[in-house]
Amino acid sequence: MTKETLLEVLSAVVFCALAVALINPMHFWMPSMAHMTVLALAAVAFAAFAVFVLRESARDERDEAHRALAGRAAFFAGSLVLILGILTQQSSGTIDPWLVAGLIAMVIAKVGVLVWSTHFR
């Protein structure tokens, strides 16, 4: 594992741990200074992870294929979670508009980058 890959994986793990802490699964805290601190740390961790994702570049065709597969898997996992959230909330009668907005943003970004890379790259 290269140093860049290790840093990318480490930043993803830190972000995921902070995101789970934000969900507050065991009801450790009420919205307080600790919760706001974890929220700020999660934003910083996501920014660090985003830097690695945006900075990545493929060295050869095989690396390009691996990154494309990872992108497809991430898109599928994200959209699946959002669809399951929408379906779960539909059963309770109210759908959070942020779930729908997130799904729409993912689809628009996917199609937009596909069009851009096909015509302008």
C-alpha atoms as a PDB file:
ATOM      1  CA  MET A   1       0.000   0.000   0.000  1.00  0.00           C
ATOM      2  CA  THR A   2       1.465   3.341  -1.027  1.00  0.00           C
ATOM      3  CA  LYS A   3       1.745   6.303   1.307  1.00  0.00           C
ATOM      4  CA  GLU A   4      -0.994   8.182  -0.624  1.00  0.00           C
ATOM      5  CA  THR A   5      -3.354   5.209  -0.411  1.00  0.00           C
ATOM      6  CA  LEU A   6      -2.669   4.793   3.291  1.00  0.00           C
ATOM      7  CA  LEU A   7      -3.420   8.476   3.936  1.00  0.00           C
ATOM      8  CA  GLU A   8      -6.619   8.232   1.891  1.00  0.00           C
ATOM      9  CA  VAL A   9      -7.774   5.152   3.806  1.00  0.00           C
ATOM     10  CA  LEU A  10      -6.854   6.726   7.146  1.00  0.00           C
ATOM     11  CA  SER A  11      -8.758   9.929   6.346  1.00  0.00           C
ATOM     12  CA  ALA A  12     -11.796   7.865   5.290  1.00  0.00           C
ATOM     13  CA  VAL A  13     -11.705   5.852   8.538  1.00  0.00           C
ATOM     14  CA  VAL A  14     -11.426   9.004  10.655  1.00  0.00           C
ATOM     15  CA  PHE A  15     -14.319  10.613   8.777  1.00  0.00           C
ATOM     16  CA  CYS A  16     -16.511   7.518   9.149  1.00  0.00           C
ATOM     17  CA  ALA A  17     -15.794   7.297  12.884  1.00  0.00           C
ATOM     18  CA  LEU A  18     -16.710  10.953  13.348  1.00  0.00           C
ATOM     19  CA  ALA A  19     -19.841  10.538  11.219  1.00  0.00           C
ATOM     20  CA  VAL A  20     -20.985   7.636  13.414  1.00  0.00           C
ATOM     21  CA  ALA A  21     -20.297   9.785  16.478  1.00  0.00           C
ATOM     22  CA  LEU A  22     -22.518  12.482  14.972  1.00  0.00           C
ATOM     23  CA  ILE A  23     -25.384  10.012  14.711  1.00  0.00           C
ATOM     24  CA  ASN A  24     -24.994   9.568  18.470  1.00  0.00           C
ATOM     25  CA  PRO A  25     -25.947   5.863  18.423  1.00  0.00           C
ATOM     26  CA  MET A  26     -25.781   5.261  22.182  1.00  0.00           C
ATOM     27  CA  HIS A  27     -27.156   8.681  23.139  1.00  0.00           C
ATOM     28  CA  PHE A  28     -23.884   9.701  24.757  1.00  0.00           C
ATOM     29  CA  TRP A  29     -24.615  13.387  24.507  1.00  0.00           C
ATOM     30  CA  MET A  30     -27.286  15.920  23.823  1.00  0.00           C
ATOM     31  CA  PRO A  31     -26.537  18.728  21.375  1.00  0.00           C
ATOM     32  CA  SER A  32     -23.805  20.491  23.254  1.00  0.00           C
ATOM     33  CA  MET A  33     -20.298  21.781  22.854  1.00  0.00           C
ATOM     34  CA  ALA A  34     -18.993  18.206  22.475  1.00  0.00           C
ATOM     35  CA  HIS A  35     -21.472  17.522  19.684  1.00  0.00           C
ATOM     36  CA  MET A  36     -20.513  20.748  17.914  1.00  0.00           C
ATOM     37  CA  THR A  37     -16.837  19.853  18.269  1.00  0.00           C
ATOM     38  CA  VAL A  38     -17.424  16.441  16.701  1.00  0.00           C
ATOM     39  CA  LEU A  39     -19.380  18.136  13.911  1.00  0.00           C
ATOM     40  CA  ALA A  40     -16.476  20.501  13.228  1.00  0.00           C
ATOM     41  CA  LEU A  41     -13.992  17.614  13.296  1.00  0.00           C
ATOM     42  CA  ALA A  42     -16.186  15.654  10.862  1.00  0.00           C
ATOM     43  CA  ALA A  43     -16.225  18.614   8.482  1.00  0.00           C
ATOM     44  CA  VAL A  44     -12.432  18.868   8.651  1.00  0.00           C
ATOM     45  CA  ALA A  45     -12.036  15.099   8.176  1.00  0.00           C
ATOM     46  CA  PHE A  46     -14.333  15.170   5.155  1.00  0.00           C
ATOM     47  CA  ALA A  47     -12.357  18.066   3.706  1.00  0.00           C
ATOM     48  CA  ALA A  48      -9.135  16.072   4.131  1.00  0.00           C
ATOM     49  CA  PHE A  49     -10.706  13.051   2.442  1.00  0.00           C
ATOM     50  CA  ALA A  50     -12.035  15.245  -0.383  1.00  0.00           C
ATOM     51  CA  VAL A  51      -8.543  16.614  -0.979  1.00  0.00           C
ATOM     52  CA  PHE A  52      -7.264  13.078  -1.543  1.00  0.00           C
ATOM     53  CA  VAL A  53     -10.173  12.205  -3.845  1.00  0.00           C
ATOM     54  CA  LEU A  54      -9.842  15.365  -5.927  1.00  0.00           C
ATOM     55  CA  ARG A  55      -6.049  15.110  -6.095  1.00  0.00           C
ATOM     56  CA  GLU A  56      -5.955  11.502  -7.227  1.00  0.00           C
ATOM     57  CA  SER A  57      -4.741  10.721 -10.711  1.00  0.00           C
ATOM     58  CA  ALA A  58      -4.311   7.465 -12.545  1.00  0.00           C
ATOM     59  CA  ARG A  59      -0.814   6.388 -13.529  1.00  0.00           C
ATOM     60  CA  ASP A  60      -1.834   3.774 -16.112  1.00  0.00           C
ATOM     61  CA  GLU A  61      -4.892   2.050 -17.598  1.00  0.00           C
ATOM     62  CA  ARG A  62      -5.105  -0.513 -14.808  1.00  0.00           C
ATOM     63  CA  ASP A  63      -5.084   2.204 -12.149  1.00  0.00           C
ATOM     64  CA  GLU A  64      -7.745   4.084 -14.123  1.00  0.00           C
ATOM     65  CA  ALA A  65      -9.913   0.942 -14.155  1.00  0.00           C
ATOM     66  CA  HIS A  66      -9.502   0.455 -10.384  1.00  0.00           C
ATOM     67  CA  ARG A  67     -10.502   4.054  -9.682  1.00  0.00           C
ATOM     68  CA  ALA A  68     -13.492   3.805 -12.034  1.00  0.00           C
ATOM     69  CA  LEU A  69     -14.649   0.627 -10.267  1.00  0.00           C
ATOM     70  CA  ALA A  70     -14.269   2.313  -6.879  1.00  0.00           C
ATOM     71  CA  GLY A  71     -16.280   5.303  -8.136  1.00  0.00           C
ATOM     72  CA  ARG A  72     -19.086   3.080  -9.424  1.00  0.00           C
ATOM     73  CA  ALA A  73     -19.198   1.122  -6.174  1.00  0.00           C
ATOM     74  CA  ALA A  74     -19.294   4.338  -4.129  1.00  0.00           C
ATOM     75  CA  PHE A  75     -22.074   5.770  -6.290  1.00  0.00           C
ATOM     76  CA  PHE A  76     -24.082   2.558  -5.963  1.00  0.00           C
ATOM     77  CA  ALA A  77     -23.603   2.388  -2.175  1.00  0.00           C
ATOM     78  CA  GLY A  78     -24.514   6.052  -1.688  1.00  0.00           C
ATOM     79  CA  SER A  79     -27.586   5.888  -3.868  1.00  0.00           C
ATOM     80  CA  LEU A  80     -28.683   2.613  -2.244  1.00  0.00           C
ATOM     81  CA  VAL A  81     -28.469   4.153   1.225  1.00  0.00           C
ATOM     82  CA  LEU A  82     -30.434   7.206   0.096  1.00  0.00           C
ATOM     83  CA  ILE A  83     -33.112   5.068  -1.595  1.00  0.00           C
ATOM     84  CA  LEU A  84     -33.425   2.901   1.536  1.00  0.00           C
ATOM     85  CA  GLY A  85     -33.725   6.061   3.639  1.00  0.00           C
ATOM     86  CA  ILE A  86     -36.441   7.407   1.341  1.00  0.00           C
ATOM     87  CA  LEU A  87     -38.329   4.091   1.425  1.00  0.00           C
ATOM     88  CA  THR A  88     -38.034   3.865   5.220  1.00  0.00           C
ATOM     89  CA  GLN A  89     -39.286   7.394   5.698  1.00  0.00           C
ATOM     90  CA  GLN A  90     -42.076   6.871   3.176  1.00  0.00           C
ATOM     91  CA  SER A  91     -43.455   4.143   5.427  1.00  0.00           C
ATOM     92  CA  SER A  92     -43.666   6.667   8.272  1.00  0.00           C
ATOM     93  CA  GLY A  93     -45.438   9.194   6.060  1.00  0.00           C
ATOM     94  CA  THR A  94     -42.805  11.930   5.812  1.00  0.00           C
ATOM     95  CA  ILE A  95     -39.805  12.048   3.507  1.00  0.00           C
ATOM     96  CA  ASP A  96     -36.830  14.171   4.460  1.00  0.00           C
ATOM     97  CA  PRO A  97     -36.152  16.470   1.475  1.00  0.00           C
ATOM     98  CA  TRP A  98     -32.394  16.216   2.106  1.00  0.00           C
ATOM     99  CA  LEU A  99     -32.443  12.530   1.176  1.00  0.00           C
ATOM    100  CA  VAL A 100     -34.108  13.332  -2.131  1.00  0.00           C
ATOM    101  CA  ALA A 101     -31.797  16.311  -2.714  1.00  0.00           C
ATOM    102  CA  GLY A 102     -28.745  14.134  -2.036  1.00  0.00           C
ATOM    103  CA  LEU A 103     -29.906  11.495  -4.498  1.00  0.00           C
ATOM    104  CA  ILE A 104     -30.654  14.113  -7.154  1.00  0.00           C
ATOM    105  CA  ALA A 105     -27.237  15.739  -6.586  1.00  0.00           C
ATOM    106  CA  MET A 106     -25.497  12.379  -7.038  1.00  0.00           C
ATOM    107  CA  VAL A 107     -27.347  11.633 -10.279  1.00  0.00           C
ATOM    108  CA  ILE A 108     -26.793  15.132 -11.711  1.00  0.00           C
ATOM    109  CA  ALA A 109     -23.087  15.023 -10.812  1.00  0.00           C
ATOM    110  CA  LYS A 110     -22.687  11.581 -12.381  1.00  0.00           C
ATOM    111  CA  VAL A 111     -24.394  12.577 -15.630  1.00  0.00           C
ATOM    112  CA  GLY A 112     -22.741  16.013 -15.688  1.00  0.00           C
ATOM    113  CA  VAL A 113     -19.232  14.629 -15.331  1.00  0.00           C
ATOM    114  CA  LEU A 114     -19.972  11.945 -17.906  1.00  0.00           C
ATOM    115  CA  VAL A 115     -21.120  14.563 -20.439  1.00  0.00           C
ATOM    116  CA  TRP A 116     -18.207  16.864 -19.614  1.00  0.00           C
ATOM    117  CA  SER A 117     -15.585  14.122 -19.880  1.00  0.00           C
ATOM    118  CA  THR A 118     -17.058  12.805 -23.119  1.00  0.00           C
ATOM    119  CA  HIS A 119     -17.229  16.165 -24.898  1.00  0.00           C
ATOM    120  CA  PHE A 120     -14.623  18.426 -23.325  1.00  0.00           C
ATOM    121  CA  ARG A 121     -11.832  16.226 -22.036  1.00  0.00           C
END
